[in-house]
N, C-alpha and C. Protein backbone atom coordinates (compact mmCIF):
# COMPACT_ATOMS: atom_id res chain seq x y z
N MET A 1 1.07 -1.38 -0.04
CA MET A 1 -0.49 0.45 0.35
C MET A 1 0.29 1.51 0.06
N LYS A 2 -0.10 2.07 -0.69
CA LYS A 2 0.51 3.46 -0.64
C LYS A 2 1.45 4.36 0.38
N ARG A 3 1.08 5.27 1.05
CA ARG A 3 1.52 6.18 2.52
C ARG A 3 0.26 6.07 1.55
N ARG A 4 -0.94 7.38 1.36
CA ARG A 4 -1.77 7.72 1.28
C ARG A 4 -2.82 6.42 1.20
N GLU A 5 -2.98 5.87 1.17
CA GLU A 5 -3.90 4.60 1.14
C GLU A 5 -4.06 4.37 2.43
N LEU A 6 -2.73 4.36 3.41
CA LEU A 6 -2.74 3.75 4.21
C LEU A 6 -3.05 5.44 5.35
N ASP A 7 -3.16 6.29 5.12
CA ASP A 7 -3.74 7.55 5.76
C ASP A 7 -5.50 7.48 5.83
N VAL A 8 -5.56 7.04 4.47
CA VAL A 8 -6.89 6.87 3.54
C VAL A 8 -7.19 5.86 4.99
N HIS A 9 -6.83 4.02 5.07
CA HIS A 9 -7.60 3.62 5.35
C HIS A 9 -7.63 3.98 7.36
N THR A 10 -6.12 4.57 7.72
CA THR A 10 -6.19 4.65 9.26
C THR A 10 -7.31 5.55 9.82
N GLN A 11 -7.56 6.63 9.05
CA GLN A 11 -8.73 7.59 9.18
C GLN A 11 -9.79 7.07 8.91
N ASP A 12 -9.97 5.49 8.30
CA ASP A 12 -11.62 4.80 7.93
C ASP A 12 -12.08 4.48 9.01
N ARG A 13 -10.53 3.42 9.54
CA ARG A 13 -10.63 2.82 11.14
C ARG A 13 -11.00 4.09 11.77
N ARG A 14 -10.78 4.73 11.94
CA ARG A 14 -10.77 6.38 13.99
C ARG A 14 -11.76 6.19 13.19
N ASP A 15 -12.66 6.09 12.51
CA ASP A 15 -14.44 6.49 11.89
C ASP A 15 -14.67 6.11 11.96
N GLU A 16 -14.68 4.41 11.91
CA GLU A 16 -15.04 3.11 12.22
C GLU A 16 -15.51 3.40 13.99
N TYR A 17 -14.25 3.62 14.33
CA TYR A 17 -15.07 3.42 16.39
C TYR A 17 -15.53 4.54 16.46
N LEU A 18 -15.64 6.06 16.35
CA LEU A 18 -16.07 6.66 16.30
C LEU A 18 -17.61 6.14 16.42
N ALA A 19 -17.41 6.15 15.26
CA ALA A 19 -18.89 6.18 14.63
C ALA A 19 -19.79 4.78 15.74
N LEU A 20 -18.85 3.34 16.04
CA LEU A 20 -19.18 2.18 16.78
C LEU A 20 -19.41 3.01 18.72
N ILE A 21 -18.79 3.60 19.18
CA ILE A 21 -19.04 4.82 20.27
C ILE A 21 -19.07 5.36 20.38
N ASN A 22 -19.67 6.32 18.96
CA ASN A 22 -21.77 7.12 19.15
C ASN A 22 -22.99 6.41 19.10
N MET A 23 -22.54 5.64 18.60
CA MET A 23 -24.21 4.79 18.59
C MET A 23 -24.12 3.97 19.67
N LEU A 24 -23.53 3.54 20.24
CA LEU A 24 -23.54 2.31 21.12
C LEU A 24 -23.54 3.53 23.03
N GLY A 25 -23.26 4.77 22.50
CA GLY A 25 -24.20 5.95 23.28
C GLY A 25 -25.58 6.48 23.62
N TYR A 26 -25.87 6.28 22.25
CA TYR A 26 -27.33 6.56 21.35
C TYR A 26 -28.12 5.13 21.88
N ALA A 27 -27.47 3.98 22.18
CA ALA A 27 -28.32 2.76 22.51
C ALA A 27 -28.48 2.66 23.46
N GLN A 28 -27.85 3.35 25.01
CA GLN A 28 -27.09 3.28 25.98
C GLN A 28 -28.15 4.75 26.73
N GLY A 29 -28.45 5.26 25.59
CA GLY A 29 -30.04 6.50 26.16
C GLY A 29 -30.59 5.37 25.92
N ILE A 30 -31.07 5.09 25.18
CA ILE A 30 -32.40 4.09 24.54
C ILE A 30 -33.08 3.38 25.75
N ALA A 31 -31.49 2.26 25.81
CA ALA A 31 -32.05 1.66 27.15
C ALA A 31 -32.46 2.19 28.25
N ARG A 32 -31.86 3.11 29.11
CA ARG A 32 -32.40 3.61 29.96
C ARG A 32 -33.36 4.29 30.01
N THR A 33 -33.92 5.22 28.94
CA THR A 33 -35.29 5.68 28.76
C THR A 33 -36.38 5.06 28.70
N LEU A 34 -35.97 3.72 28.65
CA LEU A 34 -36.79 1.93 28.31
C LEU A 34 -37.18 0.71 29.91
N GLY A 35 -35.84 2.34 31.08
CA GLY A 35 -35.91 1.50 31.71
C GLY A 35 -34.91 -0.58 31.84
N ALA A 36 -34.47 -0.06 31.18
CA ALA A 36 -33.43 -1.31 30.90
C ALA A 36 -32.25 -0.96 31.64
N ALA A 37 -32.03 -0.68 32.58
CA ALA A 37 -31.19 0.10 33.35
C ALA A 37 -29.78 -1.95 33.51
N SER A 38 -30.01 -2.71 33.28
CA SER A 38 -28.57 -3.79 33.03
C SER A 38 -28.34 -3.95 31.43
N ALA A 39 -29.10 -4.32 31.15
CA ALA A 39 -28.94 -3.83 28.86
C ALA A 39 -28.09 -2.34 28.73
N ALA A 40 -28.33 -0.81 29.57
CA ALA A 40 -27.28 0.68 29.24
C ALA A 40 -26.23 0.18 29.93
N THR A 41 -26.17 -0.58 31.43
CA THR A 41 -24.81 -1.39 31.23
C THR A 41 -23.96 -1.65 31.38
N HIS A 42 -24.53 -3.19 30.77
CA HIS A 42 -23.55 -4.01 29.43
C HIS A 42 -23.89 -2.95 28.09
N VAL A 43 -24.27 -1.89 27.74
CA VAL A 43 -23.99 -1.33 26.36
C VAL A 43 -22.63 -0.41 26.84
N ASP A 44 -22.95 0.27 28.20
CA ASP A 44 -21.29 1.60 28.61
C ASP A 44 -20.25 0.05 28.72
N SER A 45 -20.42 -0.33 29.49
CA SER A 45 -19.09 -1.84 29.46
C SER A 45 -18.64 -1.19 27.72
N ALA A 46 -19.22 -1.96 26.54
CA ALA A 46 -19.18 -2.78 25.54
C ALA A 46 -18.69 -1.31 24.81
N ARG A 47 -19.30 -0.05 25.10
CA ARG A 47 -18.25 1.34 24.64
C ARG A 47 -17.40 2.24 25.42
N GLN A 48 -16.88 1.20 26.71
CA GLN A 48 -15.73 1.56 27.08
C GLN A 48 -15.01 1.03 26.79
N THR A 49 -14.87 -0.45 26.24
CA THR A 49 -14.23 -1.37 25.43
C THR A 49 -13.75 -0.36 24.18
N LEU A 50 -14.28 0.09 23.22
CA LEU A 50 -13.68 0.44 22.31
C LEU A 50 -13.45 1.45 22.88
N VAL A 51 -13.61 2.64 24.21
CA VAL A 51 -12.77 3.81 23.44
C VAL A 51 -11.25 3.08 24.09
N ALA A 52 -11.24 1.95 25.18
CA ALA A 52 -9.89 1.75 25.06
C ALA A 52 -9.41 1.41 24.34
N ALA A 53 -9.70 0.55 22.99
CA ALA A 53 -9.60 0.05 21.89
C ALA A 53 -8.68 1.19 21.21
N LEU A 54 -10.03 1.82 20.90
CA LEU A 54 -9.17 3.52 20.24
C LEU A 54 -8.44 3.76 20.83
N GLN A 55 -8.10 3.77 22.06
CA GLN A 55 -6.65 4.64 22.51
C GLN A 55 -5.87 3.73 22.59
N THR A 56 -5.44 2.66 22.13
CA THR A 56 -4.67 1.53 22.40
C THR A 56 -4.25 1.40 20.63
N GLU A 57 -5.02 1.19 19.79
CA GLU A 57 -4.33 1.43 18.59
C GLU A 57 -4.14 2.77 18.51
N PHE A 58 -4.65 4.30 18.90
CA PHE A 58 -3.72 5.44 18.06
C PHE A 58 -4.17 5.86 19.62
N PRO A 59 -3.04 6.08 19.50
CA PRO A 59 -2.51 6.46 21.06
C PRO A 59 -2.97 8.37 20.70
N SER A 60 -3.46 8.97 21.42
CA SER A 60 -3.13 10.61 22.18
C SER A 60 -3.53 10.68 22.94
N ASN A 61 -3.12 12.62 23.64
CA ASN A 61 -3.12 12.77 24.69
C ASN A 61 -5.21 12.87 24.38
N ILE A 62 -6.06 12.93 23.80
CA ILE A 62 -7.84 12.31 24.68
C ILE A 62 -7.16 12.07 25.85
N SER A 63 -8.24 12.29 26.64
CA SER A 63 -9.23 11.78 28.15
C SER A 63 -10.43 10.85 27.10
N ASP A 64 -10.85 9.51 28.25
CA ASP A 64 -12.23 9.38 27.72
C ASP A 64 -13.51 10.20 27.51
N ASP A 65 -13.86 11.14 28.24
CA ASP A 65 -14.20 11.57 27.82
C ASP A 65 -14.63 12.29 26.65
N GLY A 66 -13.43 12.93 26.29
CA GLY A 66 -13.54 14.08 25.15
C GLY A 66 -13.97 12.87 24.28
N VAL A 67 -12.77 12.11 24.09
CA VAL A 67 -13.01 10.66 22.86
C VAL A 67 -14.53 10.39 22.83
N LYS A 68 -15.39 10.30 23.50
CA LYS A 68 -16.69 10.24 23.30
C LYS A 68 -17.63 11.91 23.55
N ARG A 69 -16.57 13.30 23.46
CA ARG A 69 -17.41 14.05 22.93
C ARG A 69 -16.99 14.03 21.36
N LEU A 70 -16.17 13.29 21.26
CA LEU A 70 -15.75 13.71 19.75
C LEU A 70 -16.70 12.60 18.93
N ALA A 71 -16.92 11.81 19.23
CA ALA A 71 -17.27 10.50 18.66
C ALA A 71 -18.85 10.37 18.21
N ALA A 72 -18.91 11.91 19.60
CA ALA A 72 -20.82 12.70 19.26
C ALA A 72 -21.02 13.81 19.19
N ALA A 73 -19.92 13.53 18.12
CA ALA A 73 -19.46 15.88 17.38
C ALA A 73 -20.50 14.79 15.60
N THR A 74 -20.93 15.33 15.24
CA THR A 74 -22.10 15.70 14.31
C THR A 74 -21.07 16.09 12.81
N LEU A 75 -19.63 15.66 12.47
CA LEU A 75 -19.22 15.73 11.42
C LEU A 75 -19.38 13.84 10.63
N GLY A 76 -18.35 14.78 9.31
CA GLY A 76 -18.64 13.07 8.53
C GLY A 76 -19.23 12.77 8.42
N HIS A 77 -20.03 11.32 8.07
CA HIS A 77 -21.00 10.55 6.88
C HIS A 77 -21.56 9.67 7.76
N CYS A 78 -21.34 10.00 8.89
CA CYS A 78 -22.36 8.92 10.20
C CYS A 78 -23.62 10.06 10.32
């Protein structure tokens, strides 16, 4: 792969992580609204796991909350 292809692939992968983190945040809110506290807890656990995986794969100085805010931003194609 060429460098540009790697950069595009890397950005796509980051965007996929952020989209999943965002979707899980949305799902967690719905679970809470429905009164499904156990489901909301499980979804939050999955979301935390994705945040950790993102931070491991793409190290940065962004906190967990910063990642969640970034994931919730209305940017990109999702």
